[in-house]
C-alpha atoms as a PDB file:
ATOM      1  CA  MET A   1     108.373  33.871  35.942  1.00  0.00           C
ATOM      2  CA  THR A   2     106.688  30.749  34.615  1.00  0.00           C
ATOM      3  CA  VAL A   3     107.606  29.029  31.426  1.00  0.00           C
ATOM      4  CA  GLU A   4     104.819  27.616  29.311  1.00  0.00           C
ATOM      5  CA  TYR A   5     105.234  25.109  26.525  1.00  0.00           C
ATOM      6  CA  PHE A   6     102.834  24.697  23.661  1.00  0.00           C
ATOM      7  CA  LEU A   7     102.546  21.791  21.284  1.00  0.00           C
ATOM      8  CA  LEU A   8     101.646  23.056  17.859  1.00  0.00           C
ATOM      9  CA  VAL A   9      99.401  20.753  15.876  1.00  0.00           C
ATOM     10  CA  CYS A  10      99.558  20.995  12.124  1.00  0.00           C
ATOM     11  CA  ASP A  11      98.327  19.002   9.173  1.00  0.00           C
ATOM     12  CA  ASP A  12     101.814  18.397   7.814  1.00  0.00           C
ATOM     13  CA  VAL A  13     103.142  15.732  10.189  1.00  0.00           C
ATOM     14  CA  PRO A  14     106.008  13.796   8.571  1.00  0.00           C
ATOM     15  CA  HIS A  15     105.729  10.043   8.111  1.00  0.00           C
ATOM     16  CA  ASP A  16     108.156   7.177   7.666  1.00  0.00           C
ATOM     17  CA  VAL A  17     107.597   4.295   5.262  1.00  0.00           C
ATOM     18  CA  VAL A  18     108.577   0.988   6.856  1.00  0.00           C
ATOM     19  CA  LEU A  19     108.980  -2.276   4.949  1.00  0.00           C
ATOM     20  CA  THR A  20     107.873  -5.003   7.362  1.00  0.00           C
ATOM     21  CA  ASP A  21     108.122  -8.058   5.071  1.00  0.00           C
ATOM     22  CA  PRO A  22     109.396  -8.277   1.481  1.00  0.00           C
ATOM     23  CA  GLY A  23     107.238 -11.305   0.677  1.00  0.00           C
ATOM     24  CA  ALA A  24     108.120 -13.900  -1.933  1.00  0.00           C
ATOM     25  CA  ARG A  25     108.892 -11.466  -4.779  1.00  0.00           C
ATOM     26  CA  VAL A  26     112.030  -9.828  -3.378  1.00  0.00           C
ATOM     27  CA  ILE A  27     113.295  -8.635  -6.771  1.00  0.00           C
ATOM     28  CA  ASP A  28     109.992  -6.887  -7.537  1.00  0.00           C
ATOM     29  CA  VAL A  29     110.105  -5.236  -4.122  1.00  0.00           C
ATOM     30  CA  ALA A  30     113.742  -4.209  -4.672  1.00  0.00           C
ATOM     31  CA  GLN A  31     112.757  -2.595  -7.982  1.00  0.00           C
ATOM     32  CA  ALA A  32     109.943  -0.713  -6.228  1.00  0.00           C
ATOM     33  CA  ILE A  33     112.392   0.474  -3.556  1.00  0.00           C
ATOM     34  CA  ARG A  34     114.778   1.573  -6.308  1.00  0.00           C
ATOM     35  CA  ARG A  35     112.038   3.640  -7.969  1.00  0.00           C
ATOM     36  CA  LEU A  36     111.059   5.224  -4.648  1.00  0.00           C
ATOM     37  CA  THR A  37     114.527   5.995  -3.312  1.00  0.00           C
ATOM     38  CA  GLY A  38     116.865   6.242  -6.287  1.00  0.00           C
ATOM     39  CA  LEU A  39     119.214   3.664  -4.754  1.00  0.00           C
ATOM     40  CA  SER A  40     121.018   1.131  -6.913  1.00  0.00           C
ATOM     41  CA  LEU A  41     119.273  -2.175  -7.505  1.00  0.00           C
ATOM     42  CA  TRP A  42     121.876  -3.970  -5.395  1.00  0.00           C
ATOM     43  CA  ARG A  43     121.390  -1.578  -2.426  1.00  0.00           C
ATOM     44  CA  SER A  44     117.625  -1.816  -2.844  1.00  0.00           C
ATOM     45  CA  LYS A  45     117.781  -5.615  -2.678  1.00  0.00           C
ATOM     46  CA  VAL A  46     119.945  -5.486   0.444  1.00  0.00           C
ATOM     47  CA  LEU A  47     117.456  -3.084   2.047  1.00  0.00           C
ATOM     48  CA  ALA A  48     114.557  -5.345   1.106  1.00  0.00           C
ATOM     49  CA  THR A  49     116.176  -8.384   2.694  1.00  0.00           C
ATOM     50  CA  GLN A  50     116.881  -6.516   5.932  1.00  0.00           C
ATOM     51  CA  ALA A  51     113.216  -6.036   6.814  1.00  0.00           C
ATOM     52  CA  PRO A  52     111.931  -4.416   8.915  1.00  0.00           C
ATOM     53  CA  ALA A  53     113.612  -1.411   7.346  1.00  0.00           C
ATOM     54  CA  VAL A  54     112.764   2.260   6.972  1.00  0.00           C
ATOM     55  CA  ILE A  55     112.511   2.997   3.257  1.00  0.00           C
ATOM     56  CA  LEU A  56     111.647   6.713   3.373  1.00  0.00           C
ATOM     57  CA  ASN A  57     112.068   9.237   6.219  1.00  0.00           C
ATOM     58  CA  ASN A  58     110.093  12.400   6.912  1.00  0.00           C
ATOM     59  CA  VAL A  59     107.816  12.408   3.879  1.00  0.00           C
ATOM     60  CA  PRO A  60     104.327  13.938   3.676  1.00  0.00           C
ATOM     61  CA  GLU A  61     101.370  11.671   4.383  1.00  0.00           C
ATOM     62  CA  GLU A  62     100.265  11.505   0.731  1.00  0.00           C
ATOM     63  CA  ALA A  63     103.733  10.506  -0.465  1.00  0.00           C
ATOM     64  CA  ALA A  64     104.006   7.900   2.287  1.00  0.00           C
ATOM     65  CA  ALA A  65     100.637   6.388   1.350  1.00  0.00           C
ATOM     66  CA  ALA A  66     101.665   6.242  -2.317  1.00  0.00           C
ATOM     67  CA  ALA A  67     104.966   4.553  -1.412  1.00  0.00           C
ATOM     68  CA  VAL A  68     103.197   1.960   0.753  1.00  0.00           C
ATOM     69  CA  SER A  69     100.787   1.277  -2.088  1.00  0.00           C
ATOM     70  CA  ALA A  70     103.678   0.773  -4.535  1.00  0.00           C
ATOM     71  CA  LEU A  71     105.412  -1.627  -2.151  1.00  0.00           C
ATOM     72  CA  ARG A  72     102.214  -3.592  -1.561  1.00  0.00           C
ATOM     73  CA  ASP A  73     101.615  -3.811  -5.311  1.00  0.00           C
ATOM     74  CA  ALA A  74     105.087  -5.372  -5.605  1.00  0.00           C
ATOM     75  CA  GLY A  75     104.124  -8.044  -3.057  1.00  0.00           C
ATOM     76  CA  ALA A  76     105.566  -6.603   0.153  1.00  0.00           C
ATOM     77  CA  GLU A  77     104.030  -5.715   3.468  1.00  0.00           C
ATOM     78  CA  ALA A  78     104.645  -2.080   4.389  1.00  0.00           C
ATOM     79  CA  GLU A  79     103.214   0.563   6.670  1.00  0.00           C
ATOM     80  CA  THR A  80     103.462   4.246   7.449  1.00  0.00           C
ATOM     81  CA  ARG A  81     104.480   5.507  10.834  1.00  0.00           C
ATOM     82  CA  GLU A  82     103.759   9.004  11.957  1.00  0.00           C
ATOM     83  CA  ARG A  83     106.785  10.848  13.275  1.00  0.00           C
ATOM     84  CA  SER A  84     106.574  13.228  16.157  1.00  0.00           C
ATOM     85  CA  GLU A  85     109.210  15.629  17.380  1.00  0.00           C
ATOM     86  CA  TRP A  86     109.416  13.641  20.602  1.00  0.00           C
ATOM     87  CA  SER A  87     110.413  10.349  18.954  1.00  0.00           C
ATOM     88  CA  SER A  88     114.087   9.656  18.554  1.00  0.00           C
END
């Protein structure tokens, strides 16, 4: 008996939003993180200063792109990273 494995490809691959650099306007970036995550302003500022940091986990591609856009508008550098089931 042979065992076969199949990798299912779908359009709904989850993404992570990663803050790579908060830039010069850390408070503006912290406020953007607060709006995106619902964290307190203090926690958002701590997260912003610990870059690179994952801001959002396992979100749809459209939501990740919108979050990256909001962070970039606040003066930060951010990116989306596609998650796969094989990554840890």
